[in-house]
C-alpha atoms as a PDB file:
ATOM      1  CA  MET A   1     -20.828  61.862 -81.548  1.00  0.00           C
ATOM      2  CA  SER A   2     -23.642  63.614 -79.558  1.00  0.00           C
ATOM      3  CA  GLU A   3     -24.225  62.601 -75.824  1.00  0.00           C
ATOM      4  CA  PRO A   4     -27.096  60.004 -75.384  1.00  0.00           C
ATOM      5  CA  LEU A   5     -30.226  60.989 -73.381  1.00  0.00           C
ATOM      6  CA  ILE A   6     -29.812  60.771 -69.970  1.00  0.00           C
ATOM      7  CA  LEU A   7     -32.822  58.497 -68.502  1.00  0.00           C
ATOM      8  CA  ASP A   8     -32.875  60.298 -65.097  1.00  0.00           C
ATOM      9  CA  GLY A   9     -35.295  58.035 -62.685  1.00  0.00           C
ATOM     10  CA  ARG A  10     -34.216  59.968 -59.701  1.00  0.00           C
ATOM     11  CA  ALA A  11     -35.678  63.306 -61.111  1.00  0.00           C
ATOM     12  CA  LEU A  12     -38.779  61.752 -62.586  1.00  0.00           C
ATOM     13  CA  SER A  13     -38.964  59.477 -58.948  1.00  0.00           C
ATOM     14  CA  GLU A  14     -38.823  63.170 -57.585  1.00  0.00           C
ATOM     15  CA  LYS A  15     -41.711  64.240 -59.328  1.00  0.00           C
ATOM     16  CA  LEU A  16     -44.017  61.299 -58.888  1.00  0.00           C
ATOM     17  CA  ARG A  17     -43.210  60.864 -55.383  1.00  0.00           C
ATOM     18  CA  LYS A  18     -44.511  65.076 -54.890  1.00  0.00           C
ATOM     19  CA  GLU A  19     -48.058  63.961 -56.858  1.00  0.00           C
ATOM     20  CA  LEU A  20     -48.568  61.102 -54.350  1.00  0.00           C
ATOM     21  CA  ARG A  21     -47.560  63.009 -51.223  1.00  0.00           C
ATOM     22  CA  GLY A  22     -50.486  65.828 -52.786  1.00  0.00           C
ATOM     23  CA  GLU A  23     -52.999  63.277 -53.612  1.00  0.00           C
ATOM     24  CA  ILE A  24     -52.541  61.592 -50.061  1.00  0.00           C
ATOM     25  CA  GLU A  25     -52.692  64.599 -48.060  1.00  0.00           C
ATOM     26  CA  GLY A  26     -55.914  65.207 -50.052  1.00  0.00           C
ATOM     27  CA  TYR A  27     -57.340  62.371 -48.733  1.00  0.00           C
ATOM     28  CA  VAL A  28     -56.245  63.067 -45.314  1.00  0.00           C
ATOM     29  CA  SER A  29     -57.960  66.498 -45.318  1.00  0.00           C
ATOM     30  CA  SER A  30     -60.927  64.833 -46.003  1.00  0.00           C
ATOM     31  CA  GLY A  31     -61.006  63.087 -43.067  1.00  0.00           C
ATOM     32  CA  LEU A  32     -59.766  59.615 -44.368  1.00  0.00           C
ATOM     33  CA  ARG A  33     -56.518  57.481 -42.778  1.00  0.00           C
ATOM     34  CA  ARG A  34     -53.190  57.487 -44.368  1.00  0.00           C
ATOM     35  CA  PRO A  35     -52.168  54.737 -46.624  1.00  0.00           C
ATOM     36  CA  GLY A  36     -50.317  51.511 -45.086  1.00  0.00           C
ATOM     37  CA  LEU A  37     -47.924  49.465 -45.627  1.00  0.00           C
ATOM     38  CA  ALA A  38     -45.849  46.688 -44.046  1.00  0.00           C
ATOM     39  CA  VAL A  39     -42.060  45.581 -44.458  1.00  0.00           C
ATOM     40  CA  VAL A  40     -40.977  42.446 -43.329  1.00  0.00           C
ATOM     41  CA  LEU A  41     -37.218  41.892 -43.187  1.00  0.00           C
ATOM     42  CA  VAL A  42     -36.026  38.454 -41.939  1.00  0.00           C
ATOM     43  CA  GLY A  43     -32.526  38.571 -40.994  1.00  0.00           C
ATOM     44  CA  ASN A  44     -29.148  41.264 -41.049  1.00  0.00           C
ATOM     45  CA  ASP A  45     -28.517  41.145 -44.464  1.00  0.00           C
ATOM     46  CA  PRO A  46     -26.704  44.715 -45.503  1.00  0.00           C
ATOM     47  CA  ALA A  47     -28.077  45.094 -48.605  1.00  0.00           C
ATOM     48  CA  SER A  48     -31.780  44.219 -47.657  1.00  0.00           C
ATOM     49  CA  GLN A  49     -31.296  46.454 -44.707  1.00  0.00           C
ATOM     50  CA  VAL A  50     -30.284  49.434 -47.007  1.00  0.00           C
ATOM     51  CA  TYR A  51     -33.217  48.733 -49.629  1.00  0.00           C
ATOM     52  CA  VAL A  52     -35.589  48.209 -46.707  1.00  0.00           C
ATOM     53  CA  ARG A  53     -34.426  51.963 -45.029  1.00  0.00           C
ATOM     54  CA  ASN A  54     -34.901  53.353 -48.678  1.00  0.00           C
ATOM     55  CA  LYS A  55     -38.459  51.898 -48.504  1.00  0.00           C
ATOM     56  CA  VAL A  56     -39.263  52.876 -45.012  1.00  0.00           C
ATOM     57  CA  ASN A  57     -38.248  56.788 -45.651  1.00  0.00           C
ATOM     58  CA  ALA A  58     -39.510  56.780 -49.236  1.00  0.00           C
ATOM     59  CA  CYS A  59     -42.968  56.145 -47.584  1.00  0.00           C
ATOM     60  CA  ARG A  60     -42.647  58.834 -44.968  1.00  0.00           C
ATOM     61  CA  LYS A  61     -41.864  61.455 -47.492  1.00  0.00           C
ATOM     62  CA  VAL A  62     -45.026  60.896 -49.691  1.00  0.00           C
ATOM     63  CA  GLY A  63     -47.040  60.628 -46.380  1.00  0.00           C
ATOM     64  CA  ILE A  64     -47.504  56.521 -46.255  1.00  0.00           C
ATOM     65  CA  GLU A  65     -47.621  54.961 -42.932  1.00  0.00           C
ATOM     66  CA  SER A  66     -44.822  52.168 -42.336  1.00  0.00           C
ATOM     67  CA  LEU A  67     -45.069  49.239 -40.222  1.00  0.00           C
ATOM     68  CA  PHE A  68     -41.975  48.133 -39.742  1.00  0.00           C
ATOM     69  CA  TYR A  69     -41.131  44.180 -38.657  1.00  0.00           C
ATOM     70  CA  GLN A  70     -37.690  43.145 -38.284  1.00  0.00           C
ATOM     71  CA  LEU A  71     -37.277  39.530 -37.414  1.00  0.00           C
ATOM     72  CA  ASP A  72     -34.487  37.487 -36.121  1.00  0.00           C
ATOM     73  CA  GLU A  73     -32.490  35.498 -38.934  1.00  0.00           C
ATOM     74  CA  ASN A  74     -33.274  32.523 -37.361  1.00  0.00           C
ATOM     75  CA  THR A  75     -37.160  33.205 -38.130  1.00  0.00           C
ATOM     76  CA  VAL A  76     -39.237  30.072 -39.423  1.00  0.00           C
ATOM     77  CA  THR A  77     -41.402  29.888 -41.842  1.00  0.00           C
ATOM     78  CA  GLU A  78     -44.334  29.466 -39.717  1.00  0.00           C
ATOM     79  CA  GLU A  79     -43.180  32.348 -37.700  1.00  0.00           C
ATOM     80  CA  LEU A  80     -43.312  34.552 -40.746  1.00  0.00           C
ATOM     81  CA  LEU A  81     -46.320  33.103 -41.951  1.00  0.00           C
ATOM     82  CA  GLU A  82     -47.835  34.348 -38.270  1.00  0.00           C
ATOM     83  CA  VAL A  83     -46.549  38.084 -39.102  1.00  0.00           C
ATOM     84  CA  ILE A  84     -48.372  37.927 -42.684  1.00  0.00           C
ATOM     85  CA  ALA A  85     -51.639  36.308 -41.337  1.00  0.00           C
ATOM     86  CA  GLU A  86     -51.978  39.384 -38.883  1.00  0.00           C
ATOM     87  CA  LEU A  87     -50.978  41.657 -41.710  1.00  0.00           C
ATOM     88  CA  ASN A  88     -53.652  40.480 -43.958  1.00  0.00           C
ATOM     89  CA  SER A  89     -56.536  40.984 -41.169  1.00  0.00           C
ATOM     90  CA  ARG A  90     -55.302  44.239 -40.126  1.00  0.00           C
ATOM     91  CA  GLU A  91     -57.471  47.066 -41.916  1.00  0.00           C
ATOM     92  CA  ASP A  92     -54.724  49.784 -41.648  1.00  0.00           C
ATOM     93  CA  VAL A  93     -52.605  47.958 -43.782  1.00  0.00           C
ATOM     94  CA  ASP A  94     -53.113  48.345 -47.679  1.00  0.00           C
ATOM     95  CA  GLY A  95     -49.571  46.834 -48.550  1.00  0.00           C
ATOM     96  CA  ILE A  96     -47.311  43.732 -47.200  1.00  0.00           C
ATOM     97  CA  LEU A  97     -43.649  43.708 -48.742  1.00  0.00           C
ATOM     98  CA  VAL A  98     -41.644  40.688 -47.429  1.00  0.00           C
ATOM     99  CA  GLN A  99     -38.082  41.686 -48.551  1.00  0.00           C
ATOM    100  CA  LEU A 100     -36.642  39.503 -50.292  1.00  0.00           C
ATOM    101  CA  PRO A 101     -34.453  36.963 -50.416  1.00  0.00           C
ATOM    102  CA  LEU A 102     -35.102  34.955 -47.576  1.00  0.00           C
ATOM    103  CA  PRO A 103     -32.830  32.753 -45.536  1.00  0.00           C
ATOM    104  CA  SER A 104     -32.473  29.449 -46.779  1.00  0.00           C
ATOM    105  CA  GLN A 105     -34.565  27.675 -44.122  1.00  0.00           C
ATOM    106  CA  ILE A 106     -37.652  29.695 -45.221  1.00  0.00           C
ATOM    107  CA  ASP A 107     -40.172  28.627 -47.775  1.00  0.00           C
ATOM    108  CA  GLN A 108     -40.056  31.823 -50.013  1.00  0.00           C
ATOM    109  CA  ARG A 109     -42.712  30.252 -52.599  1.00  0.00           C
ATOM    110  CA  GLY A 110     -45.007  29.426 -49.324  1.00  0.00           C
ATOM    111  CA  VAL A 111     -44.334  33.219 -47.998  1.00  0.00           C
ATOM    112  CA  ILE A 112     -45.654  34.465 -51.216  1.00  0.00           C
ATOM    113  CA  LEU A 113     -48.648  32.730 -51.877  1.00  0.00           C
ATOM    114  CA  ALA A 114     -49.368  33.432 -47.946  1.00  0.00           C
ATOM    115  CA  ILE A 115     -49.886  37.395 -48.675  1.00  0.00           C
ATOM    116  CA  HIS A 116     -53.165  38.533 -49.497  1.00  0.00           C
ATOM    117  CA  PRO A 117     -53.197  39.278 -53.133  1.00  0.00           C
ATOM    118  CA  GLU A 118     -54.897  42.761 -52.794  1.00  0.00           C
ATOM    119  CA  LYS A 119     -52.392  43.313 -50.595  1.00  0.00           C
ATOM    120  CA  ASP A 120     -49.332  41.767 -52.595  1.00  0.00           C
ATOM    121  CA  VAL A 121     -47.553  45.401 -53.765  1.00  0.00           C
ATOM    122  CA  ASP A 122     -44.749  43.552 -54.770  1.00  0.00           C
ATOM    123  CA  GLY A 123     -46.458  41.867 -57.746  1.00  0.00           C
ATOM    124  CA  PHE A 124     -45.596  38.150 -56.639  1.00  0.00           C
ATOM    125  CA  HIS A 125     -47.923  36.670 -55.937  1.00  0.00           C
ATOM    126  CA  PRO A 126     -49.187  34.125 -58.798  1.00  0.00           C
ATOM    127  CA  GLU A 127     -52.816  35.747 -58.972  1.00  0.00           C
ATOM    128  CA  ASN A 128     -51.221  39.518 -59.680  1.00  0.00           C
ATOM    129  CA  MET A 129     -48.667  37.555 -61.818  1.00  0.00           C
ATOM    130  CA  GLY A 130     -51.745  35.765 -64.008  1.00  0.00           C
ATOM    131  CA  LYS A 131     -53.482  39.284 -63.973  1.00  0.00           C
ATOM    132  CA  LEU A 132     -50.029  40.691 -65.795  1.00  0.00           C
ATOM    133  CA  VAL A 133     -50.242  37.657 -68.108  1.00  0.00           C
ATOM    134  CA  ALA A 134     -53.866  38.667 -68.939  1.00  0.00           C
ATOM    135  CA  HIS A 135     -53.416  42.177 -69.293  1.00  0.00           C
ATOM    136  CA  ALA A 136     -56.287  42.437 -66.605  1.00  0.00           C
ATOM    137  CA  GLU A 137     -55.176  46.165 -65.006  1.00  0.00           C
ATOM    138  CA  ASP A 138     -56.524  46.076 -61.453  1.00  0.00           C
ATOM    139  CA  GLY A 139     -53.676  43.943 -60.626  1.00  0.00           C
ATOM    140  CA  PHE A 140     -50.128  44.819 -58.828  1.00  0.00           C
ATOM    141  CA  ILE A 141     -47.496  45.094 -61.499  1.00  0.00           C
ATOM    142  CA  PRO A 142     -44.067  44.066 -60.005  1.00  0.00           C
ATOM    143  CA  CYS A 143     -41.970  47.109 -58.607  1.00  0.00           C
ATOM    144  CA  THR A 144     -38.917  47.389 -61.310  1.00  0.00           C
ATOM    145  CA  PRO A 145     -40.981  46.528 -64.026  1.00  0.00           C
ATOM    146  CA  LEU A 146     -43.332  49.244 -63.598  1.00  0.00           C
ATOM    147  CA  GLY A 147     -40.598  51.701 -62.993  1.00  0.00           C
ATOM    148  CA  ILE A 148     -39.350  50.757 -66.116  1.00  0.00           C
ATOM    149  CA  ASP A 149     -42.726  51.324 -67.946  1.00  0.00           C
ATOM    150  CA  ILE A 150     -43.111  54.445 -66.371  1.00  0.00           C
ATOM    151  CA  LEU A 151     -39.778  55.781 -67.119  1.00  0.00           C
ATOM    152  CA  LEU A 152     -39.681  54.597 -70.780  1.00  0.00           C
ATOM    153  CA  SER A 153     -43.289  56.306 -71.026  1.00  0.00           C
ATOM    154  CA  HIS A 154     -41.977  59.773 -69.762  1.00  0.00           C
ATOM    155  CA  TYR A 155     -39.452  59.952 -72.028  1.00  0.00           C
ATOM    156  CA  GLY A 156     -41.434  59.084 -75.075  1.00  0.00           C
ATOM    157  CA  ILE A 157     -39.484  56.116 -75.809  1.00  0.00           C
ATOM    158  CA  GLU A 158     -41.919  54.259 -78.205  1.00  0.00           C
ATOM    159  CA  LEU A 159     -42.399  50.508 -77.804  1.00  0.00           C
ATOM    160  CA  GLU A 160     -44.597  49.458 -80.285  1.00  0.00           C
ATOM    161  CA  GLY A 161     -43.067  47.168 -83.127  1.00  0.00           C
ATOM    162  CA  LYS A 162     -39.447  47.869 -81.439  1.00  0.00           C
ATOM    163  CA  ASP A 163     -37.294  44.813 -80.727  1.00  0.00           C
ATOM    164  CA  VAL A 164     -37.157  44.733 -77.205  1.00  0.00           C
ATOM    165  CA  VAL A 165     -34.230  42.240 -75.636  1.00  0.00           C
ATOM    166  CA  ILE A 166     -34.427  41.699 -71.885  1.00  0.00           C
ATOM    167  CA  VAL A 167     -31.101  39.924 -70.737  1.00  0.00           C
ATOM    168  CA  GLY A 168     -32.031  38.011 -67.431  1.00  0.00           C
ATOM    169  CA  ALA A 169     -35.121  35.812 -66.867  1.00  0.00           C
ATOM    170  CA  GLY A 170     -35.588  36.271 -63.309  1.00  0.00           C
ATOM    171  CA  PHE A 171     -38.927  36.219 -61.352  1.00  0.00           C
ATOM    172  CA  ILE A 172     -38.494  39.607 -59.492  1.00  0.00           C
ATOM    173  CA  VAL A 173     -37.894  41.663 -63.233  1.00  0.00           C
ATOM    174  CA  GLY A 174     -36.795  39.913 -66.481  1.00  0.00           C
ATOM    175  CA  ARG A 175     -40.465  37.593 -66.963  1.00  0.00           C
ATOM    176  CA  PRO A 176     -42.862  40.099 -65.554  1.00  0.00           C
ATOM    177  CA  LEU A 177     -40.881  42.965 -67.816  1.00  0.00           C
ATOM    178  CA  SER A 178     -41.249  40.738 -70.727  1.00  0.00           C
ATOM    179  CA  LEU A 179     -44.822  40.538 -70.497  1.00  0.00           C
ATOM    180  CA  LEU A 180     -45.155  44.202 -69.505  1.00  0.00           C
ATOM    181  CA  MET A 181     -43.392  44.936 -72.962  1.00  0.00           C
ATOM    182  CA  LEU A 182     -45.782  43.018 -74.748  1.00  0.00           C
ATOM    183  CA  TRP A 183     -48.527  44.946 -73.674  1.00  0.00           C
ATOM    184  CA  ARG A 184     -46.421  47.891 -75.346  1.00  0.00           C
ATOM    185  CA  ASN A 185     -46.676  45.654 -78.328  1.00  0.00           C
ATOM    186  CA  ALA A 186     -43.117  45.572 -78.704  1.00  0.00           C
ATOM    187  CA  THR A 187     -41.463  42.178 -80.060  1.00  0.00           C
ATOM    188  CA  VAL A 188     -39.374  40.678 -77.004  1.00  0.00           C
ATOM    189  CA  THR A 189     -36.663  38.250 -76.741  1.00  0.00           C
ATOM    190  CA  VAL A 190     -35.392  37.291 -73.306  1.00  0.00           C
ATOM    191  CA  CYS A 191     -31.928  35.982 -72.725  1.00  0.00           C
ATOM    192  CA  HIS A 192     -30.278  33.980 -69.993  1.00  0.00           C
ATOM    193  CA  ILE A 193     -27.284  32.041 -68.890  1.00  0.00           C
ATOM    194  CA  HIS A 194     -28.161  29.300 -71.147  1.00  0.00           C
ATOM    195  CA  THR A 195     -28.536  31.717 -74.199  1.00  0.00           C
ATOM    196  CA  ARG A 196     -25.736  31.128 -76.957  1.00  0.00           C
ATOM    197  CA  ASP A 197     -23.958  34.160 -78.499  1.00  0.00           C
ATOM    198  CA  LEU A 198     -25.898  36.661 -76.252  1.00  0.00           C
ATOM    199  CA  LYS A 199     -24.146  39.373 -78.588  1.00  0.00           C
ATOM    200  CA  LYS A 200     -26.169  38.656 -81.342  1.00  0.00           C
ATOM    201  CA  HIS A 201     -29.061  39.265 -79.528  1.00  0.00           C
ATOM    202  CA  THR A 202     -28.380  42.851 -77.986  1.00  0.00           C
ATOM    203  CA  LEU A 203     -26.895  44.091 -81.222  1.00  0.00           C
ATOM    204  CA  SER A 204     -30.546  43.630 -82.712  1.00  0.00           C
ATOM    205  CA  ALA A 205     -31.904  45.544 -79.883  1.00  0.00           C
ATOM    206  CA  ASP A 206     -34.180  48.791 -80.002  1.00  0.00           C
ATOM    207  CA  VAL A 207     -34.581  48.634 -76.576  1.00  0.00           C
ATOM    208  CA  LEU A 208     -31.741  46.750 -74.257  1.00  0.00           C
ATOM    209  CA  ILE A 209     -32.676  46.125 -70.670  1.00  0.00           C
ATOM    210  CA  SER A 210     -30.373  44.198 -68.531  1.00  0.00           C
ATOM    211  CA  ALA A 211     -31.031  42.538 -64.830  1.00  0.00           C
ATOM    212  CA  THR A 212     -28.659  39.949 -64.637  1.00  0.00           C
ATOM    213  CA  GLY A 213     -26.193  41.658 -61.600  1.00  0.00           C
ATOM    214  CA  VAL A 214     -23.194  40.748 -63.420  1.00  0.00           C
ATOM    215  CA  PRO A 215     -20.972  43.949 -63.468  1.00  0.00           C
ATOM    216  CA  GLY A 216     -19.665  45.210 -66.875  1.00  0.00           C
ATOM    217  CA  LEU A 217     -21.734  42.398 -69.237  1.00  0.00           C
ATOM    218  CA  ILE A 218     -23.088  44.525 -71.939  1.00  0.00           C
ATOM    219  CA  LYS A 219     -19.991  46.386 -73.488  1.00  0.00           C
ATOM    220  CA  GLU A 220     -20.199  48.733 -76.312  1.00  0.00           C
ATOM    221  CA  ASP A 221     -19.639  46.202 -79.120  1.00  0.00           C
ATOM    222  CA  MET A 222     -23.132  44.424 -78.115  1.00  0.00           C
ATOM    223  CA  VAL A 223     -25.372  47.790 -78.365  1.00  0.00           C
ATOM    224  CA  LYS A 224     -26.545  48.884 -81.811  1.00  0.00           C
ATOM    225  CA  LYS A 225     -25.961  52.786 -82.495  1.00  0.00           C
ATOM    226  CA  GLY A 226     -28.899  54.487 -80.997  1.00  0.00           C
ATOM    227  CA  ALA A 227     -30.434  52.158 -78.791  1.00  0.00           C
ATOM    228  CA  VAL A 228     -32.242  52.700 -75.334  1.00  0.00           C
ATOM    229  CA  VAL A 229     -30.280  50.792 -72.887  1.00  0.00           C
ATOM    230  CA  VAL A 230     -31.845  50.413 -69.614  1.00  0.00           C
ATOM    231  CA  ASP A 231     -29.239  49.286 -66.493  1.00  0.00           C
ATOM    232  CA  VAL A 232     -31.348  47.169 -63.816  1.00  0.00           C
ATOM    233  CA  GLY A 233     -28.226  45.722 -62.567  1.00  0.00           C
ATOM    234  CA  ILE A 234     -26.568  47.158 -59.113  1.00  0.00           C
ATOM    235  CA  SER A 235     -23.356  45.804 -57.659  1.00  0.00           C
ATOM    236  CA  LYS A 236     -20.505  47.102 -55.703  1.00  0.00           C
ATOM    237  CA  VAL A 237     -17.141  46.686 -56.963  1.00  0.00           C
ATOM    238  CA  GLU A 238     -13.987  48.248 -55.367  1.00  0.00           C
ATOM    239  CA  GLY A 239     -16.469  50.233 -53.382  1.00  0.00           C
ATOM    240  CA  LYS A 240     -18.440  51.465 -56.284  1.00  0.00           C
ATOM    241  CA  ILE A 241     -21.849  51.029 -57.295  1.00  0.00           C
ATOM    242  CA  VAL A 242     -21.967  49.787 -60.594  1.00  0.00           C
ATOM    243  CA  GLY A 243     -24.564  48.367 -63.045  1.00  0.00           C
ATOM    244  CA  ASP A 244     -24.532  45.197 -66.148  1.00  0.00           C
ATOM    245  CA  VAL A 245     -23.484  47.784 -68.508  1.00  0.00           C
ATOM    246  CA  ASP A 246     -20.408  49.420 -69.047  1.00  0.00           C
ATOM    247  CA  PHE A 247     -21.717  53.065 -68.881  1.00  0.00           C
ATOM    248  CA  GLU A 248     -18.693  55.095 -70.477  1.00  0.00           C
ATOM    249  CA  GLY A 249     -18.320  52.719 -73.432  1.00  0.00           C
ATOM    250  CA  VAL A 250     -21.469  51.899 -74.222  1.00  0.00           C
ATOM    251  CA  SER A 251     -22.916  55.519 -74.188  1.00  0.00           C
ATOM    252  CA  ARG A 252     -20.592  55.916 -77.176  1.00  0.00           C
ATOM    253  CA  LYS A 253     -23.135  54.186 -78.951  1.00  0.00           C
ATOM    254  CA  ALA A 254     -26.442  54.733 -76.918  1.00  0.00           C
ATOM    255  CA  GLY A 255     -29.348  57.023 -78.309  1.00  0.00           C
ATOM    256  CA  ALA A 256     -30.374  57.107 -74.332  1.00  0.00           C
ATOM    257  CA  ILE A 257     -29.202  55.210 -71.164  1.00  0.00           C
ATOM    258  CA  THR A 258     -29.992  55.112 -67.125  1.00  0.00           C
ATOM    259  CA  PRO A 259     -27.397  55.611 -65.289  1.00  0.00           C
ATOM    260  CA  VAL A 260     -26.166  53.631 -61.865  1.00  0.00           C
ATOM    261  CA  PRO A 261     -27.194  54.949 -59.318  1.00  0.00           C
ATOM    262  CA  GLY A 262     -30.237  57.167 -59.965  1.00  0.00           C
ATOM    263  CA  GLY A 263     -31.753  55.113 -62.928  1.00  0.00           C
ATOM    264  CA  VAL A 264     -33.871  52.270 -62.152  1.00  0.00           C
ATOM    265  CA  GLY A 265     -33.052  52.488 -58.325  1.00  0.00           C
ATOM    266  CA  PRO A 266     -35.421  54.968 -57.689  1.00  0.00           C
ATOM    267  CA  MET A 267     -38.266  54.069 -60.192  1.00  0.00           C
ATOM    268  CA  THR A 268     -38.834  50.665 -58.398  1.00  0.00           C
ATOM    269  CA  VAL A 269     -38.757  52.054 -54.915  1.00  0.00           C
ATOM    270  CA  THR A 270     -41.474  54.693 -56.182  1.00  0.00           C
ATOM    271  CA  GLY A 271     -43.416  51.667 -58.255  1.00  0.00           C
ATOM    272  CA  LEU A 272     -43.750  50.309 -54.578  1.00  0.00           C
ATOM    273  CA  LEU A 273     -45.047  53.693 -53.680  1.00  0.00           C
ATOM    274  CA  MET A 274     -47.656  53.864 -56.449  1.00  0.00           C
ATOM    275  CA  ASN A 275     -48.770  50.034 -56.057  1.00  0.00           C
ATOM    276  CA  THR A 276     -49.628  51.073 -52.444  1.00  0.00           C
ATOM    277  CA  VAL A 277     -51.574  53.889 -53.080  1.00  0.00           C
ATOM    278  CA  LYS A 278     -53.349  51.817 -55.627  1.00  0.00           C
ATOM    279  CA  SER A 279     -54.780  49.150 -53.255  1.00  0.00           C
ATOM    280  CA  TYR A 280     -55.245  51.960 -50.933  1.00  0.00           C
ATOM    281  CA  ARG A 281     -57.541  53.289 -53.464  1.00  0.00           C
ATOM    282  CA  LYS A 282     -59.324  49.981 -54.165  1.00  0.00           C
ATOM    283  CA  ARG A 283     -59.914  49.504 -50.645  1.00  0.00           C
ATOM    284  CA  MET A 284     -61.339  53.028 -49.581  1.00  0.00           C
ATOM    285  CA  LYS A 285     -62.890  53.458 -53.004  1.00  0.00           C
ATOM    286  CA  VAL A 286     -61.766  56.723 -53.571  1.00  0.00           C
ATOM    287  CA  HIS A 287     -60.435  57.915 -57.315  1.00  0.00           C
ATOM    288  CA  SER A 288     -56.807  58.863 -58.139  1.00  0.00           C
ATOM    289  CA  THR A 289     -55.883  62.773 -58.800  1.00  0.00           C
ATOM    290  CA  SER A 290     -52.521  61.227 -59.748  1.00  0.00           C
ATOM    291  CA  THR A 291     -51.227  62.046 -63.524  1.00  0.00           C
ATOM    292  CA  MET A 292     -49.602  58.594 -63.929  1.00  0.00           C
ATOM    293  CA  ASN A 293     -50.768  55.815 -62.253  1.00  0.00           C
ATOM    294  CA  PRO A 294     -49.921  51.842 -62.170  1.00  0.00           C
END
C-alpha cells in the first residue's frame, strides 16, 4: 500500500513566516513601526512556558515586537485586568494574548471579555466568535482552526461536500473549527465525550480531525481508507510527544495525515502571527502583500 501524504505543518509554516517577515520589513522600510504582540503568562505551568517561549521566538524571527508579561501564580483577576487595560490603550500593541489556561482564582471569561476585540488575536472574544458564525471576514479566527484551514488548503484537500468529523467540542478548537468547516461547505459532525459509538462516526469521515488530548484515541479500525486525518492532540507519554492518533496504525489506511509533532502545532503559532499582522494592517491602514491571509 502506498504511503499517505504527510501534511507538513512545519515546512508550510516556514514558508508563510518567510512571507510575513518580508511583508513586515517592507512596512518598516517605508517608515512604519513594527507590529506588536503582547503575551501575558500567569504562573509557572511548564507546558504554558514552552508555548509562550515558542510564540515569543516566532515573533522575533518574523520581525514582530513582542512584549512579555510574566505574572505571579497568585495574581488575582483585578490585577490581570489592569494589565489588559494598559495593553488595550497602547498604540504600539496590535495583539494581546493571555496564555490559557489561567489559575483557578482568575475569572477566565472576564479576562477574555476584557481584551479589546480588535486586539483579540486569539479570536476568543464573543465579538470575534460571532463574526465567525456570521462568516464576517474582518474578525479573527482562532489560531488552531485557522492553521488547520490553511494547511488543508495548501495541500489541495477539497472540503466542499465532504463529510468532516471533528472529535472534540472544545471552545479553543472544536467549536470554532466546525464553523470554519461549514464556511468551506463541508458536512460537519462534532463528536465529544457524550457521543455514543464514536467509531461509527469516525468511519464515515472523509476528513477526520481529532482535538481531545487523549493519546492514541484514534485507532486504525476507526478510520476510513483514504481519509484525511488531522491530529490536533499533543501529549507526553514516556517522554515522547504523541497525538490523539495512533500514527503508525492509521497511516496504513489514511490518504493524508498530519505528524505530531510538526503538523498542526507550528500552524497554530503561524496563525497567531498572521492574526497579529492582520490587526496591524487594519490599525495602520495598509494592504497585505502576502499570498495567504486569514
